[in-house]
Protein backbone atom coordinates (compact mmCIF):
# COMPACT_ATOMS: atom_id res chain seq x y z
CA MET A 1 -106.50 92.47 87.89
CA ALA A 2 -109.28 94.86 86.67
CA LEU A 3 -109.74 93.80 83.08
CA GLU A 4 -112.48 96.42 82.15
CA PRO A 5 -115.83 97.81 83.80
CA HIS A 6 -118.82 95.39 83.84
CA ALA A 7 -121.56 95.73 81.09
CA ALA A 8 -124.18 97.75 81.76
CA GLY A 9 -127.35 96.02 83.83
CA VAL A 10 -124.84 93.59 85.56
CA ALA A 11 -125.74 94.73 89.00
CA ASP A 12 -129.38 93.82 88.13
CA VAL A 13 -128.48 90.20 88.27
CA MET A 14 -126.46 90.58 91.32
CA PRO A 15 -127.56 89.10 94.69
CA GLN A 16 -128.57 91.66 97.13
CA THR A 17 -127.88 89.79 100.42
CA ALA A 18 -124.73 88.96 102.33
CA ALA A 19 -126.13 85.36 103.32
CA PRO A 20 -124.28 83.15 101.94
CA ARG A 21 -125.73 80.41 99.36
CA ALA A 22 -123.99 77.16 99.37
CA LEU A 23 -123.00 75.86 95.83
CA ALA A 24 -122.34 72.28 94.63
CA SER A 25 -119.12 70.82 95.69
CA PRO A 26 -116.99 70.04 92.42
CA ALA A 27 -114.74 67.34 94.31
CA PRO A 28 -114.56 65.84 98.08
CA GLY A 29 -112.84 68.00 100.18
CA ILE A 30 -114.20 71.27 98.63
CA ASN A 31 -116.89 73.67 99.85
CA LEU A 32 -117.87 76.81 97.88
CA TRP A 33 -120.44 79.50 98.83
CA VAL A 34 -121.61 82.58 96.83
CA CYS A 35 -122.94 85.74 98.44
CA GLY A 36 -123.75 89.16 97.86
CA LEU A 37 -122.20 92.02 99.23
CA THR A 38 -125.06 94.75 99.84
CA PRO A 39 -126.78 93.47 102.84
CA THR A 40 -129.49 95.65 104.97
CA PRO A 41 -128.04 97.86 107.52
CA ASP A 42 -128.60 95.42 110.34
CA GLY A 43 -127.13 92.80 108.54
CA LEU A 44 -124.20 94.93 107.84
CA ALA A 45 -123.97 96.01 111.65
CA HIS A 46 -124.06 92.38 112.83
CA LEU A 47 -120.97 91.65 109.86
CA ALA A 48 -119.11 94.38 111.33
CA ALA A 49 -119.43 93.34 115.02
CA VAL A 50 -117.54 90.04 114.27
CA LEU A 51 -114.67 92.05 112.62
CA ALA A 52 -111.08 91.96 114.13
CA PRO A 53 -109.68 95.22 115.33
CA GLY A 54 -107.40 95.29 112.33
CA GLU A 55 -110.44 94.37 109.59
CA GLN A 56 -112.35 97.20 110.84
CA ALA A 57 -109.62 99.65 110.90
CA ARG A 58 -108.90 98.50 106.99
CA ALA A 59 -112.65 99.06 106.46
CA ALA A 60 -112.56 102.28 107.92
CA ARG A 61 -109.52 103.31 105.32
CA PHE A 62 -111.72 102.67 102.44
CA GLY A 63 -112.46 105.73 100.16
CA THR A 64 -116.29 105.26 99.48
CA ALA A 65 -118.96 103.80 101.83
CA MET A 66 -119.76 101.44 98.87
CA LEU A 67 -116.47 99.85 99.06
CA ARG A 68 -116.38 99.72 102.87
CA ASP A 69 -119.68 98.09 103.03
CA ARG A 70 -119.01 95.27 100.53
CA TYR A 71 -115.44 94.69 102.32
CA ILE A 72 -117.30 94.34 105.61
CA ALA A 73 -119.95 92.12 104.08
CA GLY A 74 -117.50 89.60 102.30
CA ARG A 75 -115.29 89.64 105.56
CA GLY A 76 -117.85 89.38 107.94
CA THR A 77 -119.33 86.62 105.74
CA LEU A 78 -115.81 84.88 105.63
CA ARG A 79 -115.54 84.80 109.06
CA GLY A 80 -118.83 83.13 109.91
CA LEU A 81 -118.28 80.49 107.10
CA LEU A 82 -114.89 79.51 108.80
CA GLY A 83 -116.53 79.64 112.25
CA GLN A 84 -119.00 77.06 111.33
CA GLN A 85 -116.31 74.74 109.77
CA LEU A 86 -113.94 75.33 112.90
CA ALA A 87 -117.01 75.22 115.54
CA GLN A 88 -115.86 78.79 116.67
CA ALA A 89 -117.33 81.86 117.06
CA PRO A 90 -116.62 84.03 113.99
CA GLU A 91 -114.95 86.86 115.90
CA ARG A 92 -112.30 84.03 117.40
CA VAL A 93 -111.36 82.98 114.01
CA ASP A 94 -107.74 83.89 113.91
CA ILE A 95 -106.99 85.09 110.32
CA ARG A 96 -103.31 85.83 109.51
CA ARG A 97 -101.30 86.45 106.40
CA GLY A 98 -98.72 84.22 105.45
CA ASP A 99 -95.98 84.14 102.61
CA ARG A 100 -96.53 86.68 100.26
CA GLY A 101 -99.57 88.23 102.24
CA ARG A 102 -102.03 85.23 101.62
CA PRO A 103 -104.47 84.83 104.63
CA TYR A 104 -104.81 81.75 106.49
CA VAL A 105 -106.34 80.55 109.66
CA HIS A 106 -103.84 80.16 112.62
CA GLY A 107 -104.19 76.79 114.13
CA ALA A 108 -106.52 75.23 111.32
CA THR A 109 -104.04 72.61 110.16
CA GLY A 110 -105.32 70.94 106.56
CA LEU A 111 -108.00 73.84 106.32
CA ASP A 112 -107.37 76.17 103.48
CA PHE A 113 -109.62 79.22 101.92
CA ASN A 114 -109.73 81.52 99.09
CA VAL A 115 -112.26 84.57 98.40
CA SER A 116 -113.14 86.22 94.92
CA HIS A 117 -114.99 89.52 94.33
CA THR A 118 -116.59 91.20 91.23
CA GLY A 119 -118.69 93.97 91.72
CA ALA A 120 -121.31 93.20 94.45
CA PHE A 121 -120.70 89.37 94.36
CA ALA A 122 -118.45 87.16 96.23
CA LEU A 123 -117.21 83.53 95.83
CA ILE A 124 -115.70 81.82 98.74
CA GLY A 125 -113.94 78.27 98.42
CA MET A 126 -112.39 76.28 101.25
CA ALA A 127 -110.84 73.06 100.90
CA THR A 128 -108.85 70.19 102.84
CA GLY A 129 -105.86 68.66 101.64
CA GLY A 130 -104.62 71.28 99.09
CA ARG A 131 -104.05 75.07 98.61
CA ILE A 132 -107.40 76.65 96.93
CA GLY A 133 -107.62 79.57 94.42
CA VAL A 134 -110.96 80.70 93.27
CA ASP A 135 -111.85 83.22 90.64
CA VAL A 136 -114.88 84.66 89.14
CA GLU A 137 -116.07 87.05 86.48
CA HIS A 138 -119.32 88.31 85.16
CA GLU A 139 -120.00 86.24 81.88
CA ASP A 140 -120.84 89.66 80.01
CA ARG A 141 -117.69 91.39 81.15
CA THR A 142 -116.15 93.56 78.28
CA LEU A 143 -112.08 93.44 77.64
CA ASN A 144 -109.69 94.22 75.37
CA VAL A 145 -109.27 90.55 74.03
CA ALA A 146 -106.34 91.05 71.81
CA GLY A 147 -104.28 93.17 74.33
CA VAL A 148 -104.93 90.68 77.15
CA ALA A 149 -104.07 87.44 75.38
CA ARG A 150 -100.88 89.12 74.04
CA LYS A 151 -99.94 89.89 77.77
CA PHE A 152 -100.89 87.06 79.58
CA MET A 153 -101.55 84.06 77.34
CA ALA A 154 -99.29 81.06 75.94
CA PRO A 155 -98.73 80.86 72.39
CA SER A 156 -101.06 77.85 72.40
CA GLU A 157 -103.78 79.72 74.24
CA GLN A 158 -103.30 82.63 71.76
CA ALA A 159 -103.56 80.06 68.84
CA MET A 160 -106.72 78.51 70.15
CA LEU A 161 -108.45 82.19 70.72
CA ASP A 162 -107.27 83.32 67.17
CA ALA A 163 -109.41 80.56 65.65
CA LEU A 164 -112.72 81.35 67.51
CA ASP A 165 -115.33 84.10 66.51
CA PRO A 166 -115.39 87.22 68.43
CA ASP A 167 -117.68 86.30 71.35
CA PRO A 168 -116.58 82.85 71.81
CA ARG A 169 -113.25 84.50 71.84
CA ARG A 170 -114.04 86.76 74.59
CA ARG A 171 -115.70 84.25 76.69
CA ALA A 172 -112.74 81.53 76.26
CA LEU A 173 -110.41 84.41 77.27
CA LEU A 174 -112.36 85.22 80.31
CA ARG A 175 -112.32 81.51 81.29
CA LEU A 176 -108.49 81.30 80.84
CA TRP A 177 -108.10 84.29 83.18
CA THR A 178 -110.41 82.59 85.66
CA CYS A 179 -107.93 79.84 85.61
CA LYS A 180 -104.64 81.74 85.99
CA GLU A 181 -106.07 84.07 88.41
CA ALA A 182 -107.30 81.19 90.74
CA MET A 183 -103.83 79.59 90.52
CA SER A 184 -102.11 82.58 91.33
CA LYS A 185 -104.22 83.11 94.14
CA ALA A 186 -103.56 79.51 95.53
CA THR A 187 -99.58 80.16 95.38
CA GLY A 188 -100.12 83.65 96.50
CA ASP A 189 -98.10 84.86 93.50
CA ALA A 190 -100.86 87.05 92.16
CA LEU A 191 -99.74 88.97 89.23
CA SER A 192 -96.26 88.06 89.65
CA ALA A 193 -97.17 84.72 88.48
CA PRO A 194 -95.81 83.56 85.15
CA PHE A 195 -98.98 83.94 83.35
CA ARG A 196 -97.62 83.64 79.67
CA HIS A 197 -95.85 80.17 80.39
CA ILE A 198 -98.71 78.79 81.90
CA ALA A 199 -100.89 76.86 79.32
CA ILE A 200 -104.63 75.86 79.88
CA ALA A 201 -106.31 73.72 77.70
CA LEU A 202 -110.16 74.24 77.44
CA ASP A 203 -112.16 70.75 76.44
CA ASN A 204 -115.67 70.68 76.36
CA GLY A 205 -116.53 72.67 79.65
CA SER A 206 -113.35 71.32 81.34
CA VAL A 207 -110.15 72.76 81.93
CA ARG A 208 -106.62 71.57 82.73
CA VAL A 209 -103.13 72.67 82.94
CA ASP A 210 -101.13 71.65 80.18
CA ALA A 211 -97.82 72.97 80.90
CA GLY A 212 -96.11 75.21 83.19
CA PRO A 213 -92.89 76.19 85.02
CA SER A 214 -92.63 75.08 88.99
CA PRO A 215 -94.70 75.26 90.87
CA TYR A 216 -97.26 75.51 88.09
CA THR A 217 -96.41 71.91 86.58
CA PRO A 218 -99.39 70.01 85.39
CA ASP A 219 -99.13 67.16 88.01
CA ARG A 220 -99.63 69.64 90.87
CA TRP A 221 -103.17 71.14 89.72
CA THR A 222 -106.76 70.21 89.55
CA LEU A 223 -108.82 72.84 88.05
CA TYR A 224 -112.65 72.99 88.20
CA ALA A 225 -115.03 75.26 85.69
CA LEU A 226 -117.94 76.05 87.30
CA ARG A 227 -121.06 78.54 86.24
CA ALA A 228 -122.10 80.41 89.16
CA PRO A 229 -125.44 82.21 89.88
CA GLY A 230 -126.24 85.47 88.22
CA ALA A 231 -124.33 84.34 84.74
CA HIS A 232 -120.75 84.36 86.41
CA LEU A 233 -118.01 82.31 85.44
CA ALA A 234 -115.93 80.75 88.22
CA THR A 235 -112.49 78.30 88.23
CA ILE A 236 -111.56 76.36 91.42
CA ALA A 237 -107.69 75.62 91.18
CA LEU A 238 -106.29 72.87 94.02
CA TRP A 239 -102.66 72.81 94.39
CA GLN A 240 -100.96 70.06 95.71
CA GLU A 241 -97.74 71.39 97.06
CA ASP A 242 -94.55 69.42 97.36
């Protein structure tokens, strides 16, 4: 979901390279990388060369060169990282779409991945032993706090937000949003997930699931709240399926 356009000046702090940078892992079995999506022309050509024919066709359908190049940079970088994990050439990684269109690597039992983009910045997560979802937002992003809270937040979350001053309320809502978005990406439900019935608790920088219907019951989920480079907020959601 596009909350609202980025605040002015955000692009100035975005990484300007597609080379992935590893982040500290929040837990065993989870690996994270960030990358910029504006590589040099030579770098872009290298990344485009590892895409599958279907990915190259999708890139060609983007309406602007900027969106096309960002897709190529993100997808090519993802292939490179998956290739490293699987000891395969990037172009040989067999990415397919499964339930609800969620991508996975065919034949890579036990390895799951997810990607989140915001502007010219991407967060890539991989996990073993569970389904992973990731979401990232710039911490200065503006949004209609009251409208988003009313539509997507549980009653307990709305009450917590109402008790905060305007800027802390906006930041707390962004954190809650990254939690729910990451969870819905792990399941593949996306915006069809029951956001208003999933209750997230924020506690001194940590996050947890307090309540939710199946498959969003608290016992199945672990959430990790992170600060990513360039003043970004990120949440990692790990789902233990039945």
